[in-house]
């Protein structure tokens, strides 16, 4: 799983306008979010996980866009309502923790078989 060196959730790359078919509550796994970019195209992101911050009593969603043309993945972090985080450092921290957790979970699955 690759990242774009922390640039994946850069607010300069995307407008904050987004549409999603998820109007019934917080994001859940596999929910989708469409983000309109400044060049007028739209990118479809899918929720691949959530991270809870017990100190802040907040939950964040981690979403990924698979670019089929390049084979690269782009990640963003939102609140559970689909709003991109304004704090880039916090978003990167959440993404890093999520990717580390996912990597460790993957290693644990491999060793049990």
PDB file of N, CA and C in Angstrom:
ATOM      1  N   UNK A   1       0.843  -1.165   0.000  1.00  0.00           N
ATOM      2  CA  UNK A   1       0.000   0.000   0.000  1.00  0.00           C
ATOM      3  C   UNK A   1       0.895   1.237   0.000  1.00  0.00           C
ATOM      4  N   UNK A   2       0.751   2.101  -0.965  1.00  0.00           N
ATOM      5  CA  UNK A   2       1.607   3.269  -1.030  1.00  0.00           C
ATOM      6  C   UNK A   2       0.851   4.530  -0.683  1.00  0.00           C
ATOM      7  N   UNK A   3       1.601   5.529  -0.276  1.00  0.00           N
ATOM      8  CA  UNK A   3       1.007   6.840  -0.050  1.00  0.00           C
ATOM      9  C   UNK A   3       1.718   7.825  -0.948  1.00  0.00           C
ATOM     10  N   UNK A   4       1.200   9.004  -1.037  1.00  0.00           N
ATOM     11  CA  UNK A   4       1.829  10.045  -1.827  1.00  0.00           C
ATOM     12  C   UNK A   4       2.652  10.950  -0.928  1.00  0.00           C
ATOM     13  N   UNK A   5       3.430  10.365  -0.022  1.00  0.00           N
ATOM     14  CA  UNK A   5       4.291  11.101   0.884  1.00  0.00           C
ATOM     15  C   UNK A   5       3.559  12.190   1.645  1.00  0.00           C
ATOM     16  N   UNK A   6       2.368  11.881   2.085  1.00  0.00           N
ATOM     17  CA  UNK A   6       1.621  12.822   2.891  1.00  0.00           C
ATOM     18  C   UNK A   6       0.880  13.861   2.076  1.00  0.00           C
ATOM     19  N   UNK A   7       1.066  13.876   0.771  1.00  0.00           N
ATOM     20  CA  UNK A   7       0.388  14.860  -0.051  1.00  0.00           C
ATOM     21  C   UNK A   7      -1.002  14.399  -0.433  1.00  0.00           C
ATOM     22  N   UNK A   8      -1.340  13.166  -0.092  1.00  0.00           N
ATOM     23  CA  UNK A   8      -2.599  12.604  -0.542  1.00  0.00           C
ATOM     24  C   UNK A   8      -3.808  13.338   0.002  1.00  0.00           C
ATOM     25  N   UNK A   9      -3.673  13.940   1.164  1.00  0.00           N
ATOM     26  CA  UNK A   9      -4.820  14.643   1.709  1.00  0.00           C
ATOM     27  C   UNK A   9      -4.630  16.144   1.680  1.00  0.00           C
ATOM     28  N   UNK A  10      -3.741  16.618   0.843  1.00  0.00           N
ATOM     29  CA  UNK A  10      -3.486  18.043   0.739  1.00  0.00           C
ATOM     30  C   UNK A  10      -4.739  18.764   0.259  1.00  0.00           C
ATOM     31  N   UNK A  11      -5.146  19.765   0.998  1.00  0.00           N
ATOM     32  CA  UNK A  11      -6.360  20.485   0.648  1.00  0.00           C
ATOM     33  C   UNK A  11      -6.163  21.316  -0.602  1.00  0.00           C
ATOM     34  N   UNK A  12      -4.944  21.600  -0.985  1.00  0.00           N
ATOM     35  CA  UNK A  12      -4.688  22.355  -2.202  1.00  0.00           C
ATOM     36  C   UNK A  12      -5.007  21.554  -3.442  1.00  0.00           C
ATOM     37  N   UNK A  13      -5.017  20.250  -3.352  1.00  0.00           N
ATOM     38  CA  UNK A  13      -5.271  19.402  -4.512  1.00  0.00           C
ATOM     39  C   UNK A  13      -6.755  19.224  -4.779  1.00  0.00           C
ATOM     40  N   UNK A  14      -7.595  19.439  -3.795  1.00  0.00           N
ATOM     41  CA  UNK A  14      -9.016  19.157  -3.944  1.00  0.00           C
ATOM     42  C   UNK A  14      -9.838  20.319  -3.423  1.00  0.00           C
ATOM     43  N   UNK A  15     -10.972  20.533  -4.060  1.00  0.00           N
ATOM     44  CA  UNK A  15     -11.943  21.459  -3.500  1.00  0.00           C
ATOM     45  C   UNK A  15     -12.640  20.749  -2.357  1.00  0.00           C
ATOM     46  N   UNK A  16     -13.313  21.507  -1.530  1.00  0.00           N
ATOM     47  CA  UNK A  16     -14.027  20.893  -0.419  1.00  0.00           C
ATOM     48  C   UNK A  16     -15.424  20.447  -0.811  1.00  0.00           C
ATOM     49  N   UNK A  17     -15.824  20.728  -2.059  1.00  0.00           N
ATOM     50  CA  UNK A  17     -17.149  20.291  -2.496  1.00  0.00           C
ATOM     51  C   UNK A  17     -17.127  18.791  -2.698  1.00  0.00           C
ATOM     52  N   UNK A  18     -18.083  18.116  -2.141  1.00  0.00           N
ATOM     53  CA  UNK A  18     -18.150  16.678  -2.336  1.00  0.00           C
ATOM     54  C   UNK A  18     -19.596  16.216  -2.226  1.00  0.00           C
ATOM     55  N   UNK A  19     -19.838  15.129  -2.893  1.00  0.00           N
ATOM     56  CA  UNK A  19     -21.150  14.508  -2.851  1.00  0.00           C
ATOM     57  C   UNK A  19     -20.962  13.075  -2.413  1.00  0.00           C
ATOM     58  N   UNK A  20     -21.866  12.600  -1.623  1.00  0.00           N
ATOM     59  CA  UNK A  20     -21.865  11.171  -1.339  1.00  0.00           C
ATOM     60  C   UNK A  20     -23.284  10.739  -1.060  1.00  0.00           C
ATOM     61  N   UNK A  21     -23.507   9.479  -1.287  1.00  0.00           N
ATOM     62  CA  UNK A  21     -24.839   8.927  -1.115  1.00  0.00           C
ATOM     63  C   UNK A  21     -25.090   8.511   0.321  1.00  0.00           C
ATOM     64  N   UNK A  22     -24.326   9.042   1.217  1.00  0.00           N
ATOM     65  CA  UNK A  22     -24.374   8.612   2.602  1.00  0.00           C
ATOM     66  C   UNK A  22     -24.971   9.726   3.449  1.00  0.00           C
ATOM     67  N   UNK A  23     -26.277   9.882   3.399  1.00  0.00           N
ATOM     68  CA  UNK A  23     -26.929  10.956   4.126  1.00  0.00           C
ATOM     69  C   UNK A  23     -27.611  10.459   5.398  1.00  0.00           C
ATOM     70  N   UNK A  24     -27.363   9.218   5.793  1.00  0.00           N
ATOM     71  CA  UNK A  24     -28.095   8.645   6.917  1.00  0.00           C
ATOM     72  C   UNK A  24     -27.276   8.513   8.189  1.00  0.00           C
ATOM     73  N   UNK A  25     -26.125   9.149   8.283  1.00  0.00           N
ATOM     74  CA  UNK A  25     -25.353   9.056   9.500  1.00  0.00           C
ATOM     75  C   UNK A  25     -23.875   8.952   9.210  1.00  0.00           C
ATOM     76  N   UNK A  26     -23.101   8.558  10.193  1.00  0.00           N
ATOM     77  CA  UNK A  26     -21.646   8.501  10.033  1.00  0.00           C
ATOM     78  C   UNK A  26     -21.216   7.478   8.984  1.00  0.00           C
ATOM     79  N   UNK A  27     -20.037   7.738   8.434  1.00  0.00           N
ATOM     80  CA  UNK A  27     -19.449   6.816   7.464  1.00  0.00           C
ATOM     81  C   UNK A  27     -19.290   5.426   8.049  1.00  0.00           C
ATOM     82  N   UNK A  28     -19.443   4.434   7.191  1.00  0.00           N
ATOM     83  CA  UNK A  28     -19.168   3.048   7.533  1.00  0.00           C
ATOM     84  C   UNK A  28     -18.225   2.498   6.475  1.00  0.00           C
ATOM     85  N   UNK A  29     -17.625   1.345   6.735  1.00  0.00           N
ATOM     86  CA  UNK A  29     -16.731   0.724   5.773  1.00  0.00           C
ATOM     87  C   UNK A  29     -17.404   0.601   4.414  1.00  0.00           C
ATOM     88  N   UNK A  30     -16.629   0.850   3.378  1.00  0.00           N
ATOM     89  CA  UNK A  30     -17.040   0.743   1.971  1.00  0.00           C
ATOM     90  C   UNK A  30     -18.000   1.835   1.512  1.00  0.00           C
ATOM     91  N   UNK A  31     -18.365   2.786   2.378  1.00  0.00           N
ATOM     92  CA  UNK A  31     -19.119   3.937   1.901  1.00  0.00           C
ATOM     93  C   UNK A  31     -18.238   4.683   0.907  1.00  0.00           C
ATOM     94  N   UNK A  32     -18.866   5.413  -0.013  1.00  0.00           N
ATOM     95  CA  UNK A  32     -18.110   6.113  -1.042  1.00  0.00           C
ATOM     96  C   UNK A  32     -18.350   7.617  -0.959  1.00  0.00           C
ATOM     97  N   UNK A  33     -17.322   8.369  -1.348  1.00  0.00           N
ATOM     98  CA  UNK A  33     -17.348   9.813  -1.328  1.00  0.00           C
ATOM     99  C   UNK A  33     -16.731  10.298  -2.630  1.00  0.00           C
ATOM    100  N   UNK A  34     -17.420  11.187  -3.340  1.00  0.00           N
ATOM    101  CA  UNK A  34     -16.896  11.751  -4.575  1.00  0.00           C
ATOM    102  C   UNK A  34     -16.390  13.153  -4.290  1.00  0.00           C
ATOM    103  N   UNK A  35     -15.143  13.404  -4.683  1.00  0.00           N
ATOM    104  CA  UNK A  35     -14.544  14.713  -4.457  1.00  0.00           C
ATOM    105  C   UNK A  35     -14.265  15.359  -5.801  1.00  0.00           C
ATOM    106  N   UNK A  36     -14.731  16.589  -5.965  1.00  0.00           N
ATOM    107  CA  UNK A  36     -14.482  17.348  -7.186  1.00  0.00           C
ATOM    108  C   UNK A  36     -13.128  18.041  -7.057  1.00  0.00           C
ATOM    109  N   UNK A  37     -12.259  17.838  -8.052  1.00  0.00           N
ATOM    110  CA  UNK A  37     -10.942  18.472  -8.042  1.00  0.00           C
ATOM    111  C   UNK A  37     -11.030  19.824  -8.727  1.00  0.00           C
ATOM    112  N   UNK A  38      -9.985  20.621  -8.572  1.00  0.00           N
ATOM    113  CA  UNK A  38      -9.978  21.958  -9.159  1.00  0.00           C
ATOM    114  C   UNK A  38     -10.024  21.924 -10.675  1.00  0.00           C
ATOM    115  N   UNK A  39      -9.535  20.837 -11.293  1.00  0.00           N
ATOM    116  CA  UNK A  39      -9.550  20.761 -12.760  1.00  0.00           C
ATOM    117  C   UNK A  39     -10.899  20.280 -13.300  1.00  0.00           C
ATOM    118  N   UNK A  40     -11.872  20.094 -12.416  1.00  0.00           N
ATOM    119  CA  UNK A  40     -13.216  19.729 -12.846  1.00  0.00           C
ATOM    120  C   UNK A  40     -13.497  18.244 -12.885  1.00  0.00           C
ATOM    121  N   UNK A  41     -12.496  17.416 -12.642  1.00  0.00           N
ATOM    122  CA  UNK A  41     -12.743  15.976 -12.616  1.00  0.00           C
ATOM    123  C   UNK A  41     -13.228  15.574 -11.226  1.00  0.00           C
ATOM    124  N   UNK A  42     -13.695  14.349 -11.128  1.00  0.00           N
ATOM    125  CA  UNK A  42     -14.162  13.836  -9.852  1.00  0.00           C
ATOM    126  C   UNK A  42     -13.412  12.560  -9.513  1.00  0.00           C
ATOM    127  N   UNK A  43     -13.056  12.411  -8.256  1.00  0.00           N
ATOM    128  CA  UNK A  43     -12.376  11.214  -7.776  1.00  0.00           C
ATOM    129  C   UNK A  43     -13.280  10.508  -6.782  1.00  0.00           C
ATOM    130  N   UNK A  44     -13.399   9.200  -6.936  1.00  0.00           N
ATOM    131  CA  UNK A  44     -14.215   8.398  -6.039  1.00  0.00           C
ATOM    132  C   UNK A  44     -13.322   7.788  -4.966  1.00  0.00           C
ATOM    133  N   UNK A  45     -13.610   8.101  -3.721  1.00  0.00           N
ATOM    134  CA  UNK A  45     -12.881   7.558  -2.577  1.00  0.00           C
ATOM    135  C   UNK A  45     -13.782   6.593  -1.830  1.00  0.00           C
ATOM    136  N   UNK A  46     -13.184   5.526  -1.299  1.00  0.00           N
ATOM    137  CA  UNK A  46     -13.932   4.519  -0.546  1.00  0.00           C
ATOM    138  C   UNK A  46     -13.380   4.445   0.877  1.00  0.00           C
ATOM    139  N   UNK A  47     -14.286   4.366   1.851  1.00  0.00           N
ATOM    140  CA  UNK A  47     -13.875   4.237   3.249  1.00  0.00           C
ATOM    141  C   UNK A  47     -13.260   2.858   3.458  1.00  0.00           C
ATOM    142  N   UNK A  48     -11.996   2.847   3.908  1.00  0.00           N
ATOM    143  CA  UNK A  48     -11.308   1.576   4.155  1.00  0.00           C
ATOM    144  C   UNK A  48     -11.087   1.330   5.631  1.00  0.00           C
ATOM    145  N   UNK A  49     -11.423   2.318   6.448  1.00  0.00           N
ATOM    146  CA  UNK A  49     -11.282   2.113   7.878  1.00  0.00           C
ATOM    147  C   UNK A  49     -11.625   3.359   8.656  1.00  0.00           C
ATOM    148  N   UNK A  50     -11.759   3.200   9.948  1.00  0.00           N
ATOM    149  CA  UNK A  50     -11.996   4.327  10.837  1.00  0.00           C
ATOM    150  C   UNK A  50     -10.992   4.255  11.981  1.00  0.00           C
ATOM    151  N   UNK A  51     -10.656   5.400  12.509  1.00  0.00           N
ATOM    152  CA  UNK A  51      -9.734   5.489  13.636  1.00  0.00           C
ATOM    153  C   UNK A  51     -10.397   6.363  14.699  1.00  0.00           C
ATOM    154  N   UNK A  52     -10.400   5.852  15.922  1.00  0.00           N
ATOM    155  CA  UNK A  52     -11.001   6.598  17.025  1.00  0.00           C
ATOM    156  C   UNK A  52      -9.901   7.251  17.846  1.00  0.00           C
ATOM    157  N   UNK A  53     -10.113   8.504  18.203  1.00  0.00           N
ATOM    158  CA  UNK A  53      -9.209   9.221  19.093  1.00  0.00           C
ATOM    159  C   UNK A  53      -9.907   9.314  20.445  1.00  0.00           C
ATOM    160  N   UNK A  54      -9.562   8.421  21.374  1.00  0.00           N
ATOM    161  CA  UNK A  54     -10.266   8.399  22.658  1.00  0.00           C
ATOM    162  C   UNK A  54     -10.054   9.671  23.470  1.00  0.00           C
ATOM    163  N   UNK A  55      -8.907  10.341  23.288  1.00  0.00           N
ATOM    164  CA  UNK A  55      -8.651  11.573  24.038  1.00  0.00           C
ATOM    165  C   UNK A  55      -9.597  12.688  23.600  1.00  0.00           C
ATOM    166  N   UNK A  56      -9.888  12.741  22.315  1.00  0.00           N
ATOM    167  CA  UNK A  56     -10.748  13.790  21.770  1.00  0.00           C
ATOM    168  C   UNK A  56     -12.206  13.321  21.643  1.00  0.00           C
ATOM    169  N   UNK A  57     -12.458  12.039  21.854  1.00  0.00           N
ATOM    170  CA  UNK A  57     -13.788  11.443  21.690  1.00  0.00           C
ATOM    171  C   UNK A  57     -14.310  11.696  20.272  1.00  0.00           C
ATOM    172  N   UNK A  58     -13.408  11.533  19.284  1.00  0.00           N
ATOM    173  CA  UNK A  58     -13.778  11.723  17.884  1.00  0.00           C
ATOM    174  C   UNK A  58     -13.359  10.500  17.088  1.00  0.00           C
ATOM    175  N   UNK A  59     -14.082  10.261  16.015  1.00  0.00           N
ATOM    176  CA  UNK A  59     -13.748   9.168  15.106  1.00  0.00           C
ATOM    177  C   UNK A  59     -13.506   9.763  13.730  1.00  0.00           C
ATOM    178  N   UNK A  60     -12.492   9.244  13.046  1.00  0.00           N
ATOM    179  CA  UNK A  60     -12.125   9.719  11.725  1.00  0.00           C
ATOM    180  C   UNK A  60     -12.223   8.576  10.732  1.00  0.00           C
ATOM    181  N   UNK A  61     -12.513   8.906   9.491  1.00  0.00           N
ATOM    182  CA  UNK A  61     -12.583   7.904   8.428  1.00  0.00           C
ATOM    183  C   UNK A  61     -11.363   8.055   7.530  1.00  0.00           C
ATOM    184  N   UNK A  62     -10.787   6.922   7.128  1.00  0.00           N
ATOM    185  CA  UNK A  62      -9.679   6.898   6.176  1.00  0.00           C
ATOM    186  C   UNK A  62     -10.239   6.376   4.863  1.00  0.00           C
ATOM    187  N   UNK A  63     -10.035   7.152   3.795  1.00  0.00           N
ATOM    188  CA  UNK A  63     -10.572   6.794   2.484  1.00  0.00           C
ATOM    189  C   UNK A  63      -9.440   6.675   1.484  1.00  0.00           C
ATOM    190  N   UNK A  64      -9.658   5.843   0.462  1.00  0.00           N
ATOM    191  CA  UNK A  64      -8.642   5.646  -0.568  1.00  0.00           C
ATOM    192  C   UNK A  64      -9.273   5.774  -1.946  1.00  0.00           C
ATOM    193  N   UNK A  65      -8.486   6.329  -2.865  1.00  0.00           N
ATOM    194  CA  UNK A  65      -8.850   6.375  -4.286  1.00  0.00           C
ATOM    195  C   UNK A  65      -7.787   5.565  -5.014  1.00  0.00           C
ATOM    196  N   UNK A  66      -8.218   4.537  -5.734  1.00  0.00           N
ATOM    197  CA  UNK A  66      -7.295   3.723  -6.523  1.00  0.00           C
ATOM    198  C   UNK A  66      -7.253   4.290  -7.928  1.00  0.00           C
ATOM    199  N   UNK A  67      -6.084   4.821  -8.324  1.00  0.00           N
ATOM    200  CA  UNK A  67      -5.913   5.351  -9.670  1.00  0.00           C
ATOM    201  C   UNK A  67      -5.538   4.191 -10.575  1.00  0.00           C
ATOM    202  N   UNK A  68      -6.498   3.741 -11.360  1.00  0.00           N
ATOM    203  CA  UNK A  68      -6.274   2.570 -12.208  1.00  0.00           C
ATOM    204  C   UNK A  68      -5.229   2.833 -13.285  1.00  0.00           C
ATOM    205  N   UNK A  69      -5.099   4.073 -13.732  1.00  0.00           N
ATOM    206  CA  UNK A  69      -4.139   4.400 -14.787  1.00  0.00           C
ATOM    207  C   UNK A  69      -2.697   4.263 -14.293  1.00  0.00           C
ATOM    208  N   UNK A  70      -2.426   4.712 -13.057  1.00  0.00           N
ATOM    209  CA  UNK A  70      -1.060   4.682 -12.539  1.00  0.00           C
ATOM    210  C   UNK A  70      -0.828   3.555 -11.547  1.00  0.00           C
ATOM    211  N   UNK A  71      -1.900   2.969 -11.046  1.00  0.00           N
ATOM    212  CA  UNK A  71      -1.773   1.928 -10.033  1.00  0.00           C
ATOM    213  C   UNK A  71      -1.475   2.479  -8.646  1.00  0.00           C
ATOM    214  N   UNK A  72      -1.508   3.807  -8.495  1.00  0.00           N
ATOM    215  CA  UNK A  72      -1.227   4.418  -7.208  1.00  0.00           C
ATOM    216  C   UNK A  72      -2.507   4.605  -6.406  1.00  0.00           C
ATOM    217  N   UNK A  73      -2.325   4.728  -5.104  1.00  0.00           N
ATOM    218  CA  UNK A  73      -3.449   4.975  -4.208  1.00  0.00           C
ATOM    219  C   UNK A  73      -3.279   6.358  -3.599  1.00  0.00           C
ATOM    220  N   UNK A  74      -4.385   7.063  -3.473  1.00  0.00           N
ATOM    221  CA  UNK A  74      -4.397   8.365  -2.828  1.00  0.00           C
ATOM    222  C   UNK A  74      -5.309   8.271  -1.623  1.00  0.00           C
ATOM    223  N   UNK A  75      -4.828   8.767  -0.484  1.00  0.00           N
ATOM    224  CA  UNK A  75      -5.573   8.667   0.761  1.00  0.00           C
ATOM    225  C   UNK A  75      -6.025  10.043   1.225  1.00  0.00           C
ATOM    226  N   UNK A  76      -7.193  10.076   1.865  1.00  0.00           N
ATOM    227  CA  UNK A  76      -7.657  11.272   2.560  1.00  0.00           C
ATOM    228  C   UNK A  76      -8.213  10.848   3.904  1.00  0.00           C
ATOM    229  N   UNK A  77      -8.302  11.808   4.821  1.00  0.00           N
ATOM    230  CA  UNK A  77      -8.876  11.561   6.137  1.00  0.00           C
ATOM    231  C   UNK A  77      -9.996  12.578   6.328  1.00  0.00           C
ATOM    232  N   UNK A  78     -11.149  12.078   6.760  1.00  0.00           N
ATOM    233  CA  UNK A  78     -12.307  12.942   6.995  1.00  0.00           C
ATOM    234  C   UNK A  78     -12.855  12.676   8.382  1.00  0.00           C
ATOM    235  N   UNK A  79     -13.793  13.536   8.796  1.00  0.00           N
ATOM    236  CA  UNK A  79     -14.571  13.175   9.969  1.00  0.00           C
ATOM    237  C   UNK A  79     -15.601  12.149   9.499  1.00  0.00           C
ATOM    238  N   UNK A  80     -16.404  11.644  10.377  1.00  0.00           N
ATOM    239  CA  UNK A  80     -17.331  10.575   9.977  1.00  0.00           C
ATOM    240  C   UNK A  80     -18.496  11.076   9.145  1.00  0.00           C
ATOM    241  N   UNK A  81     -18.596  12.393   8.956  1.00  0.00           N
ATOM    242  CA  UNK A  81     -19.630  12.949   8.093  1.00  0.00           C
ATOM    243  C   UNK A  81     -19.100  13.253   6.694  1.00  0.00           C
ATOM    244  N   UNK A  82     -17.813  12.970   6.454  1.00  0.00           N
ATOM    245  CA  UNK A  82     -17.242  13.181   5.128  1.00  0.00           C
ATOM    246  C   UNK A  82     -16.583  14.519   4.927  1.00  0.00           C
ATOM    247  N   UNK A  83     -16.379  15.290   5.981  1.00  0.00           N
ATOM    248  CA  UNK A  83     -15.703  16.582   5.864  1.00  0.00           C
ATOM    249  C   UNK A  83     -14.201  16.391   6.023  1.00  0.00           C
ATOM    250  N   UNK A  84     -13.439  16.841   5.015  1.00  0.00           N
ATOM    251  CA  UNK A  84     -11.988  16.694   5.087  1.00  0.00           C
ATOM    252  C   UNK A  84     -11.444  17.490   6.263  1.00  0.00           C
ATOM    253  N   UNK A  85     -10.421  16.925   6.920  1.00  0.00           N
ATOM    254  CA  UNK A  85      -9.835  17.597   8.073  1.00  0.00           C
ATOM    255  C   UNK A  85      -9.058  18.825   7.612  1.00  0.00           C
ATOM    256  N   UNK A  86      -9.194  19.907   8.333  1.00  0.00           N
ATOM    257  CA  UNK A  86      -8.465  21.136   8.028  1.00  0.00           C
ATOM    258  C   UNK A  86      -7.021  21.051   8.513  1.00  0.00           C
ATOM    259  N   UNK A  87      -6.782  20.280   9.558  1.00  0.00           N
ATOM    260  CA  UNK A  87      -5.458  20.157  10.165  1.00  0.00           C
ATOM    261  C   UNK A  87      -4.677  19.065   9.439  1.00  0.00           C
ATOM    262  N   UNK A  88      -3.786  19.482   8.517  1.00  0.00           N
ATOM    263  CA  UNK A  88      -3.021  18.514   7.720  1.00  0.00           C
ATOM    264  C   UNK A  88      -2.146  17.619   8.587  1.00  0.00           C
ATOM    265  N   UNK A  89      -1.566  18.180   9.650  1.00  0.00           N
ATOM    266  CA  UNK A  89      -0.695  17.378  10.519  1.00  0.00           C
ATOM    267  C   UNK A  89      -1.503  16.285  11.216  1.00  0.00           C
ATOM    268  N   UNK A  90      -2.702  16.622  11.686  1.00  0.00           N
ATOM    269  CA  UNK A  90      -3.562  15.628  12.334  1.00  0.00           C
ATOM    270  C   UNK A  90      -3.977  14.558  11.326  1.00  0.00           C
ATOM    271  N   UNK A  91      -4.353  14.978  10.122  1.00  0.00           N
ATOM    272  CA  UNK A  91      -4.763  14.019   9.096  1.00  0.00           C
ATOM    273  C   UNK A  91      -3.621  13.064   8.770  1.00  0.00           C
ATOM    274  N   UNK A  92      -2.396  13.578   8.652  1.00  0.00           N
ATOM    275  CA  UNK A  92      -1.249  12.720   8.354  1.00  0.00           C
ATOM    276  C   UNK A  92      -0.986  11.757   9.502  1.00  0.00           C
ATOM    277  N   UNK A  93      -1.125  12.230  10.737  1.00  0.00           N
ATOM    278  CA  UNK A  93      -0.920  11.371  11.906  1.00  0.00           C
ATOM    279  C   UNK A  93      -1.940  10.228  11.927  1.00  0.00           C
ATOM    280  N   UNK A  94      -3.190  10.542  11.653  1.00  0.00           N
ATOM    281  CA  UNK A  94      -4.241   9.520  11.627  1.00  0.00           C
ATOM    282  C   UNK A  94      -3.965   8.523  10.515  1.00  0.00           C
ATOM    283  N   UNK A  95      -3.582   9.019   9.334  1.00  0.00           N
ATOM    284  CA  UNK A  95      -3.281   8.134   8.209  1.00  0.00           C
ATOM    285  C   UNK A  95      -2.103   7.228   8.528  1.00  0.00           C
ATOM    286  N   UNK A  96      -1.043   7.783   9.099  1.00  0.00           N
ATOM    287  CA  UNK A  96       0.129   6.980   9.453  1.00  0.00           C
ATOM    288  C   UNK A  96      -0.231   5.884  10.453  1.00  0.00           C
ATOM    289  N   UNK A  97      -1.022   6.237  11.469  1.00  0.00           N
ATOM    290  CA  UNK A  97      -1.441   5.245  12.465  1.00  0.00           C
ATOM    291  C   UNK A  97      -2.290   4.154  11.819  1.00  0.00           C
ATOM    292  N   UNK A  98      -3.189   4.548  10.927  1.00  0.00           N
ATOM    293  CA  UNK A  98      -4.048   3.579  10.261  1.00  0.00           C
ATOM    294  C   UNK A  98      -3.221   2.621   9.400  1.00  0.00           C
ATOM    295  N   UNK A  99      -2.293   3.162   8.611  1.00  0.00           N
ATOM    296  CA  UNK A  99      -1.477   2.321   7.736  1.00  0.00           C
ATOM    297  C   UNK A  99      -0.596   1.369   8.537  1.00  0.00           C
ATOM    298  N   UNK A 100      -0.060   1.842   9.668  1.00  0.00           N
ATOM    299  CA  UNK A 100       0.734   0.982  10.537  1.00  0.00           C
ATOM    300  C   UNK A 100      -0.122  -0.138  11.112  1.00  0.00           C
ATOM    301  N   UNK A 101      -1.314   0.213  11.583  1.00  0.00           N
ATOM    302  CA  UNK A 101      -2.239  -0.782  12.128  1.00  0.00           C
ATOM    303  C   UNK A 101      -2.613  -1.808  11.058  1.00  0.00           C
ATOM    304  N   UNK A 102      -2.906  -1.340   9.838  1.00  0.00           N
ATOM    305  CA  UNK A 102      -3.289  -2.242   8.755  1.00  0.00           C
ATOM    306  C   UNK A 102      -2.133  -3.169   8.383  1.00  0.00           C
ATOM    307  N   UNK A 103      -0.912  -2.627   8.386  1.00  0.00           N
ATOM    308  CA  UNK A 103       0.258  -3.447   8.066  1.00  0.00           C
ATOM    309  C   UNK A 103       0.467  -4.520   9.130  1.00  0.00           C
ATOM    310  N   UNK A 104       0.355  -4.142  10.406  1.00  0.00           N
ATOM    311  CA  UNK A 104       0.524  -5.107  11.494  1.00  0.00           C
ATOM    312  C   UNK A 104      -0.566  -6.164  11.461  1.00  0.00           C
ATOM    313  N   UNK A 105      -1.789  -5.768  11.149  1.00  0.00           N
ATOM    314  CA  UNK A 105      -2.895  -6.720  11.078  1.00  0.00           C
ATOM    315  C   UNK A 105      -2.661  -7.695   9.924  1.00  0.00           C
ATOM    316  N   UNK A 106      -2.149  -7.205   8.814  1.00  0.00           N
ATOM    317  CA  UNK A 106      -1.848  -8.062   7.670  1.00  0.00           C
ATOM    318  C   UNK A 106      -0.762  -9.071   7.990  1.00  0.00           C
ATOM    319  N   UNK A 107       0.257  -8.643   8.721  1.00  0.00           N
ATOM    320  CA  UNK A 107       1.338  -9.556   9.112  1.00  0.00           C
ATOM    321  C   UNK A 107       0.810 -10.618  10.062  1.00  0.00           C
ATOM    322  N   UNK A 108      -0.093 -10.247  10.949  1.00  0.00           N
ATOM    323  CA  UNK A 108      -0.676 -11.204  11.895  1.00  0.00           C
ATOM    324  C   UNK A 108      -1.497 -12.250  11.188  1.00  0.00           C
ATOM    325  N   UNK A 109      -2.215 -11.856  10.129  1.00  0.00           N
ATOM    326  CA  UNK A 109      -3.026 -12.822   9.369  1.00  0.00           C
ATOM    327  C   UNK A 109      -2.146 -13.814   8.635  1.00  0.00           C
ATOM    328  N   UNK A 110      -1.022 -13.332   8.103  1.00  0.00           N
ATOM    329  CA  UNK A 110      -0.121 -14.209   7.354  1.00  0.00           C
ATOM    330  C   UNK A 110       0.511 -15.261   8.251  1.00  0.00           C
ATOM    331  N   UNK A 111       0.847 -14.879   9.491  1.00  0.00           N
ATOM    332  CA  UNK A 111       1.539 -15.805  10.372  1.00  0.00           C
ATOM    333  C   UNK A 111       0.599 -16.861  10.966  1.00  0.00           C
ATOM    334  N   UNK A 112      -0.692 -16.621  10.921  1.00  0.00           N
ATOM    335  CA  UNK A 112      -1.622 -17.587  11.494  1.00  0.00           C
ATOM    336  C   UNK A 112      -1.982 -18.694  10.525  1.00  0.00           C
ATOM    337  N   UNK A 113      -1.647 -18.535   9.241  1.00  0.00           N
ATOM    338  CA  UNK A 113      -2.024 -19.583   8.290  1.00  0.00           C
ATOM    339  C   UNK A 113      -0.969 -20.615   8.110  1.00  0.00           C
TER     340      UNK A 113
END
